[in-house]
Amino acid sequence: MSAHARGSCLCGAVAFEAAGDPLWVVHCHCRSCRRQTASAVATFAGFRREQVTFTQAERALFTSSPGVRRGFCARCGTPISYEADRFEGEIHLYVVSFDDPTRFVPQHHVNFDEHVSWLRVDEHLPAR
């Protein structure tokens, strides 16, 4: 991956840059992520907090459960980020909010025990 990856929400009000390679890239199947995105799965790239800069409007934050903050655009509602006390110093960005999401190839599935039964997954990736 090149030095910087850029992304934004649907309306462009919230924009960000991520410097360097992500720590990991995963598909999350937990109920909370599915509800926030209204999708069967959410794909994240995890970065150290200091790697990410918001270059335009700040995202709004919603505390979805104790110690968990979900970032989104207050104008258009696009989900942008996930931060949790248990992942101190990290910010997880939704891969599809990057200008080129194909740069971030998932390495495994997390919370797979919560996946929706009709979803067919990439069988070669580990499921945790």
N, C-alpha and C. Protein backbone atom coordinates (compact mmCIF):
# COMPACT_ATOMS: atom_id res chain seq x y z
N MET A 1 0.85 -1.18 0.00
CA MET A 1 0.00 0.00 0.00
C MET A 1 0.90 1.24 0.00
N SER A 2 0.48 2.27 -0.68
CA SER A 2 1.26 3.51 -0.70
C SER A 2 1.11 4.24 0.62
N ALA A 3 1.78 5.36 0.73
CA ALA A 3 1.87 6.08 1.99
C ALA A 3 0.52 6.50 2.57
N HIS A 4 -0.40 7.00 1.75
CA HIS A 4 -1.66 7.50 2.28
C HIS A 4 -2.84 6.92 1.51
N ALA A 5 -3.88 6.59 2.25
CA ALA A 5 -5.15 6.19 1.65
C ALA A 5 -6.18 7.20 2.12
N ARG A 6 -6.99 7.67 1.21
CA ARG A 6 -7.99 8.69 1.54
C ARG A 6 -9.39 8.10 1.43
N GLY A 7 -10.30 8.71 2.17
CA GLY A 7 -11.68 8.28 2.11
C GLY A 7 -12.60 9.37 2.60
N SER A 8 -13.91 9.10 2.49
CA SER A 8 -14.89 10.07 2.94
C SER A 8 -16.25 9.40 3.06
N CYS A 9 -17.18 10.16 3.60
CA CYS A 9 -18.57 9.73 3.67
C CYS A 9 -19.24 9.95 2.31
N LEU A 10 -20.48 9.57 2.20
CA LEU A 10 -21.23 9.71 0.95
C LEU A 10 -21.33 11.14 0.46
N CYS A 11 -21.58 12.07 1.36
CA CYS A 11 -21.75 13.47 0.96
C CYS A 11 -20.43 14.24 0.88
N GLY A 12 -19.35 13.67 1.40
CA GLY A 12 -18.05 14.31 1.36
C GLY A 12 -17.75 15.25 2.51
N ALA A 13 -18.67 15.42 3.43
CA ALA A 13 -18.44 16.33 4.55
C ALA A 13 -17.34 15.83 5.49
N VAL A 14 -17.31 14.53 5.74
CA VAL A 14 -16.27 13.94 6.59
C VAL A 14 -15.27 13.23 5.68
N ALA A 15 -14.03 13.66 5.74
CA ALA A 15 -12.97 13.05 4.94
C ALA A 15 -11.80 12.71 5.85
N PHE A 16 -11.03 11.71 5.46
CA PHE A 16 -9.92 11.27 6.30
C PHE A 16 -8.78 10.74 5.44
N GLU A 17 -7.62 10.62 6.08
CA GLU A 17 -6.44 10.01 5.48
C GLU A 17 -5.89 9.01 6.47
N ALA A 18 -5.43 7.88 5.95
CA ALA A 18 -4.74 6.89 6.77
C ALA A 18 -3.33 6.74 6.21
N ALA A 19 -2.34 6.93 7.05
CA ALA A 19 -0.94 6.86 6.64
C ALA A 19 -0.38 5.47 6.93
N GLY A 20 0.24 4.86 5.94
CA GLY A 20 0.88 3.57 6.13
C GLY A 20 -0.08 2.40 6.03
N ASP A 21 0.45 1.24 6.31
CA ASP A 21 -0.33 0.01 6.21
C ASP A 21 -1.23 -0.18 7.42
N PRO A 22 -2.39 -0.81 7.23
CA PRO A 22 -3.25 -1.12 8.37
C PRO A 22 -2.63 -2.23 9.20
N LEU A 23 -3.06 -2.32 10.45
CA LEU A 23 -2.63 -3.40 11.33
C LEU A 23 -3.22 -4.73 10.86
N TRP A 24 -4.43 -4.67 10.34
CA TRP A 24 -5.17 -5.83 9.86
C TRP A 24 -6.38 -5.36 9.08
N VAL A 25 -7.00 -6.31 8.35
CA VAL A 25 -8.26 -6.06 7.64
C VAL A 25 -9.15 -7.29 7.87
N VAL A 26 -10.38 -7.05 8.35
CA VAL A 26 -11.27 -8.17 8.68
C VAL A 26 -12.71 -7.89 8.25
N HIS A 27 -13.44 -8.98 8.08
CA HIS A 27 -14.90 -8.92 7.94
C HIS A 27 -15.46 -9.15 9.34
N CYS A 28 -16.30 -8.25 9.83
CA CYS A 28 -16.95 -8.44 11.14
C CYS A 28 -18.41 -8.83 10.93
N HIS A 29 -18.83 -9.86 11.64
CA HIS A 29 -20.19 -10.38 11.51
C HIS A 29 -21.05 -10.11 12.75
N CYS A 30 -20.56 -9.29 13.68
CA CYS A 30 -21.33 -9.08 14.91
C CYS A 30 -22.63 -8.33 14.62
N ARG A 31 -23.58 -8.56 15.48
CA ARG A 31 -24.91 -7.96 15.32
C ARG A 31 -24.85 -6.44 15.33
N SER A 32 -24.01 -5.86 16.19
CA SER A 32 -23.92 -4.39 16.27
C SER A 32 -23.41 -3.79 14.96
N CYS A 33 -22.38 -4.37 14.39
CA CYS A 33 -21.86 -3.85 13.12
C CYS A 33 -22.87 -4.03 11.99
N ARG A 34 -23.56 -5.16 12.00
CA ARG A 34 -24.60 -5.38 10.98
C ARG A 34 -25.71 -4.34 11.12
N ARG A 35 -26.09 -4.05 12.34
CA ARG A 35 -27.15 -3.06 12.55
C ARG A 35 -26.71 -1.66 12.14
N GLN A 36 -25.46 -1.28 12.48
CA GLN A 36 -25.02 0.06 12.14
C GLN A 36 -24.96 0.26 10.63
N THR A 37 -24.56 -0.78 9.91
CA THR A 37 -24.39 -0.65 8.46
C THR A 37 -25.59 -1.11 7.65
N ALA A 38 -26.55 -1.76 8.31
CA ALA A 38 -27.69 -2.36 7.61
C ALA A 38 -27.20 -3.31 6.52
N SER A 39 -26.11 -4.04 6.83
CA SER A 39 -25.50 -4.98 5.90
C SER A 39 -25.28 -6.31 6.60
N ALA A 40 -25.04 -7.35 5.81
CA ALA A 40 -24.79 -8.67 6.37
C ALA A 40 -23.41 -8.77 7.02
N VAL A 41 -22.50 -7.90 6.62
CA VAL A 41 -21.14 -7.93 7.14
C VAL A 41 -20.53 -6.53 7.03
N ALA A 42 -19.63 -6.21 7.95
CA ALA A 42 -18.90 -4.93 7.89
C ALA A 42 -17.42 -5.27 7.75
N THR A 43 -16.73 -4.59 6.86
CA THR A 43 -15.31 -4.84 6.65
C THR A 43 -14.51 -3.64 7.15
N PHE A 44 -13.56 -3.92 8.04
CA PHE A 44 -12.76 -2.88 8.68
C PHE A 44 -11.28 -3.03 8.36
N ALA A 45 -10.60 -1.89 8.32
CA ALA A 45 -9.14 -1.84 8.36
C ALA A 45 -8.77 -1.19 9.68
N GLY A 46 -7.96 -1.86 10.47
CA GLY A 46 -7.55 -1.32 11.76
C GLY A 46 -6.24 -0.57 11.66
N PHE A 47 -6.20 0.63 12.22
CA PHE A 47 -5.01 1.48 12.21
C PHE A 47 -4.69 1.94 13.62
N ARG A 48 -3.44 2.29 13.86
CA ARG A 48 -3.10 3.00 15.08
C ARG A 48 -3.72 4.39 14.96
N ARG A 49 -4.21 4.92 16.05
CA ARG A 49 -4.93 6.21 16.03
C ARG A 49 -4.09 7.31 15.39
N GLU A 50 -2.79 7.31 15.65
CA GLU A 50 -1.93 8.37 15.10
C GLU A 50 -1.73 8.26 13.59
N GLN A 51 -2.13 7.15 12.98
CA GLN A 51 -2.04 7.01 11.53
C GLN A 51 -3.19 7.71 10.81
N VAL A 52 -4.25 8.06 11.52
CA VAL A 52 -5.47 8.57 10.89
C VAL A 52 -5.68 10.04 11.22
N THR A 53 -5.97 10.82 10.17
CA THR A 53 -6.26 12.24 10.31
C THR A 53 -7.59 12.53 9.63
N PHE A 54 -8.45 13.24 10.32
CA PHE A 54 -9.69 13.71 9.70
C PHE A 54 -9.39 15.07 9.09
N THR A 55 -9.58 15.18 7.78
CA THR A 55 -9.12 16.35 7.03
C THR A 55 -10.20 17.38 6.76
N GLN A 56 -11.43 17.04 7.04
CA GLN A 56 -12.55 17.98 6.89
C GLN A 56 -13.36 17.92 8.17
N ALA A 57 -14.66 17.99 8.08
CA ALA A 57 -15.51 17.98 9.27
C ALA A 57 -15.24 16.75 10.12
N GLU A 58 -15.32 16.92 11.42
CA GLU A 58 -15.18 15.78 12.34
C GLU A 58 -16.42 14.91 12.25
N ARG A 59 -16.24 13.67 12.51
CA ARG A 59 -17.38 12.75 12.52
C ARG A 59 -18.13 12.87 13.83
N ALA A 60 -19.39 12.56 13.79
CA ALA A 60 -20.20 12.47 15.01
C ALA A 60 -19.91 11.12 15.64
N LEU A 61 -20.05 11.03 16.96
CA LEU A 61 -19.80 9.77 17.66
C LEU A 61 -21.05 9.32 18.40
N PHE A 62 -21.27 8.02 18.36
CA PHE A 62 -22.39 7.41 19.07
C PHE A 62 -21.82 6.30 19.95
N THR A 63 -22.15 6.33 21.24
CA THR A 63 -21.73 5.27 22.15
C THR A 63 -22.75 4.15 22.02
N SER A 64 -22.36 3.09 21.32
CA SER A 64 -23.30 2.01 21.03
C SER A 64 -23.38 0.98 22.15
N SER A 65 -22.36 0.91 22.96
CA SER A 65 -22.34 0.06 24.15
C SER A 65 -21.21 0.59 25.04
N PRO A 66 -21.15 0.17 26.29
CA PRO A 66 -20.10 0.71 27.17
C PRO A 66 -18.70 0.51 26.56
N GLY A 67 -17.95 1.60 26.44
CA GLY A 67 -16.60 1.54 25.92
C GLY A 67 -16.46 1.47 24.42
N VAL A 68 -17.58 1.61 23.69
CA VAL A 68 -17.56 1.52 22.22
C VAL A 68 -18.14 2.79 21.62
N ARG A 69 -17.38 3.40 20.72
CA ARG A 69 -17.81 4.61 20.02
C ARG A 69 -17.80 4.36 18.52
N ARG A 70 -18.91 4.64 17.89
CA ARG A 70 -19.03 4.47 16.44
C ARG A 70 -19.14 5.84 15.80
N GLY A 71 -18.25 6.10 14.84
CA GLY A 71 -18.22 7.39 14.16
C GLY A 71 -19.00 7.35 12.87
N PHE A 72 -19.65 8.47 12.56
CA PHE A 72 -20.46 8.56 11.34
C PHE A 72 -20.58 10.02 10.93
N CYS A 73 -21.02 10.24 9.71
CA CYS A 73 -21.27 11.61 9.25
C CYS A 73 -22.64 12.05 9.76
N ALA A 74 -22.66 13.17 10.46
CA ALA A 74 -23.93 13.68 10.99
C ALA A 74 -24.84 14.20 9.88
N ARG A 75 -24.28 14.49 8.73
CA ARG A 75 -25.08 15.03 7.61
C ARG A 75 -25.74 13.92 6.79
N CYS A 76 -24.96 12.91 6.35
CA CYS A 76 -25.52 11.88 5.47
C CYS A 76 -25.68 10.52 6.14
N GLY A 77 -25.10 10.34 7.34
CA GLY A 77 -25.27 9.10 8.09
C GLY A 77 -24.29 7.99 7.77
N THR A 78 -23.35 8.21 6.86
CA THR A 78 -22.40 7.16 6.50
C THR A 78 -21.57 6.71 7.70
N PRO A 79 -21.53 5.41 7.98
CA PRO A 79 -20.64 4.92 9.03
C PRO A 79 -19.18 5.12 8.61
N ILE A 80 -18.34 5.57 9.54
CA ILE A 80 -16.94 5.87 9.23
C ILE A 80 -15.97 5.04 10.07
N SER A 81 -16.26 4.92 11.39
CA SER A 81 -15.25 4.33 12.26
C SER A 81 -15.84 3.57 13.44
N TYR A 82 -14.96 2.80 14.05
CA TYR A 82 -15.26 2.05 15.27
C TYR A 82 -14.06 2.21 16.20
N GLU A 83 -14.30 2.58 17.44
CA GLU A 83 -13.25 2.67 18.45
C GLU A 83 -13.79 2.05 19.73
N ALA A 84 -12.93 1.30 20.40
CA ALA A 84 -13.35 0.64 21.64
C ALA A 84 -12.22 0.69 22.66
N ASP A 85 -12.59 0.81 23.92
CA ASP A 85 -11.60 0.84 24.98
C ASP A 85 -10.72 -0.40 24.95
N ARG A 86 -11.29 -1.53 24.56
CA ARG A 86 -10.51 -2.78 24.54
C ARG A 86 -9.47 -2.81 23.43
N PHE A 87 -9.57 -1.89 22.46
CA PHE A 87 -8.57 -1.74 21.40
C PHE A 87 -7.90 -0.38 21.56
N GLU A 88 -7.36 -0.14 22.72
CA GLU A 88 -6.77 1.16 23.06
C GLU A 88 -5.74 1.58 22.01
N GLY A 89 -5.87 2.85 21.58
CA GLY A 89 -4.92 3.40 20.62
C GLY A 89 -5.18 3.04 19.17
N GLU A 90 -6.29 2.36 18.92
CA GLU A 90 -6.63 1.97 17.55
C GLU A 90 -7.91 2.66 17.09
N ILE A 91 -8.02 2.82 15.79
CA ILE A 91 -9.26 3.24 15.16
C ILE A 91 -9.49 2.30 13.99
N HIS A 92 -10.70 1.81 13.86
CA HIS A 92 -11.06 0.88 12.81
C HIS A 92 -11.95 1.62 11.82
N LEU A 93 -11.51 1.66 10.58
CA LEU A 93 -12.24 2.38 9.54
C LEU A 93 -12.94 1.41 8.60
N TYR A 94 -14.15 1.77 8.22
CA TYR A 94 -14.89 0.94 7.27
C TYR A 94 -14.19 0.99 5.92
N VAL A 95 -13.80 -0.16 5.42
CA VAL A 95 -13.03 -0.25 4.17
C VAL A 95 -13.77 0.40 3.01
N VAL A 96 -15.08 0.24 2.94
CA VAL A 96 -15.81 0.78 1.80
C VAL A 96 -15.91 2.30 1.80
N SER A 97 -15.49 2.94 2.88
CA SER A 97 -15.49 4.41 2.89
C SER A 97 -14.19 4.98 2.31
N PHE A 98 -13.20 4.13 2.01
CA PHE A 98 -11.99 4.59 1.34
C PHE A 98 -12.26 4.83 -0.14
N ASP A 99 -11.53 5.76 -0.74
CA ASP A 99 -11.69 6.04 -2.17
C ASP A 99 -11.40 4.80 -3.01
N ASP A 100 -10.45 3.98 -2.57
CA ASP A 100 -10.12 2.73 -3.28
C ASP A 100 -10.16 1.57 -2.29
N PRO A 101 -11.34 1.03 -2.03
CA PRO A 101 -11.44 -0.05 -1.05
C PRO A 101 -10.75 -1.34 -1.48
N THR A 102 -10.44 -1.48 -2.77
CA THR A 102 -9.78 -2.69 -3.24
C THR A 102 -8.36 -2.81 -2.71
N ARG A 103 -7.81 -1.74 -2.17
CA ARG A 103 -6.47 -1.77 -1.59
C ARG A 103 -6.40 -2.55 -0.29
N PHE A 104 -7.55 -2.82 0.32
CA PHE A 104 -7.61 -3.46 1.62
C PHE A 104 -8.25 -4.84 1.49
N VAL A 105 -7.43 -5.86 1.47
CA VAL A 105 -7.90 -7.22 1.27
C VAL A 105 -8.10 -7.89 2.63
N PRO A 106 -9.31 -8.36 2.92
CA PRO A 106 -9.57 -9.00 4.22
C PRO A 106 -8.69 -10.22 4.46
N GLN A 107 -8.28 -10.37 5.72
CA GLN A 107 -7.41 -11.47 6.13
C GLN A 107 -8.16 -12.57 6.87
N HIS A 108 -9.27 -12.22 7.52
CA HIS A 108 -10.08 -13.22 8.20
C HIS A 108 -11.44 -12.63 8.59
N HIS A 109 -12.28 -13.51 9.12
CA HIS A 109 -13.60 -13.14 9.62
C HIS A 109 -13.54 -13.09 11.15
N VAL A 110 -14.24 -12.13 11.76
CA VAL A 110 -14.37 -12.10 13.22
C VAL A 110 -15.84 -12.15 13.59
N ASN A 111 -16.11 -12.65 14.78
CA ASN A 111 -17.48 -12.82 15.27
C ASN A 111 -18.32 -13.65 14.30
N PHE A 112 -17.67 -14.63 13.71
CA PHE A 112 -18.33 -15.44 12.69
C PHE A 112 -19.51 -16.23 13.26
N ASP A 113 -19.47 -16.52 14.54
CA ASP A 113 -20.58 -17.25 15.16
C ASP A 113 -21.89 -16.45 15.11
N GLU A 114 -21.81 -15.15 14.81
CA GLU A 114 -23.01 -14.31 14.71
C GLU A 114 -23.43 -14.07 13.26
N HIS A 115 -22.78 -14.69 12.30
CA HIS A 115 -23.09 -14.41 10.89
C HIS A 115 -24.52 -14.81 10.54
N VAL A 116 -25.06 -14.15 9.53
CA VAL A 116 -26.40 -14.51 9.06
C VAL A 116 -26.28 -15.78 8.22
N SER A 117 -27.19 -16.69 8.43
CA SER A 117 -27.07 -18.03 7.86
C SER A 117 -27.08 -18.08 6.34
N TRP A 118 -27.72 -17.13 5.69
CA TRP A 118 -27.80 -17.18 4.23
C TRP A 118 -26.59 -16.58 3.53
N LEU A 119 -25.69 -15.95 4.29
CA LEU A 119 -24.51 -15.34 3.71
C LEU A 119 -23.47 -16.40 3.36
N ARG A 120 -23.02 -16.42 2.12
CA ARG A 120 -21.96 -17.32 1.67
C ARG A 120 -20.65 -16.56 1.75
N VAL A 121 -19.71 -17.10 2.52
CA VAL A 121 -18.46 -16.38 2.76
C VAL A 121 -17.31 -16.99 1.97
N ASP A 122 -16.25 -16.24 1.87
CA ASP A 122 -15.03 -16.69 1.23
C ASP A 122 -14.43 -17.79 2.09
N GLU A 123 -14.53 -18.99 1.64
CA GLU A 123 -14.16 -20.15 2.46
C GLU A 123 -12.68 -20.27 2.77
N HIS A 124 -11.81 -19.58 2.04
CA HIS A 124 -10.38 -19.73 2.30
C HIS A 124 -9.89 -18.86 3.45
N LEU A 125 -10.71 -17.93 3.94
CA LEU A 125 -10.29 -17.07 5.05
C LEU A 125 -10.61 -17.73 6.38
N PRO A 126 -9.74 -17.59 7.38
CA PRO A 126 -10.05 -18.13 8.71
C PRO A 126 -11.26 -17.42 9.32
N ALA A 127 -12.05 -18.15 10.08
CA ALA A 127 -13.22 -17.58 10.76
C ALA A 127 -13.03 -17.75 12.26
N ARG A 128 -13.12 -16.64 12.99
CA ARG A 128 -12.95 -16.68 14.45
C ARG A 128 -14.24 -16.28 15.14
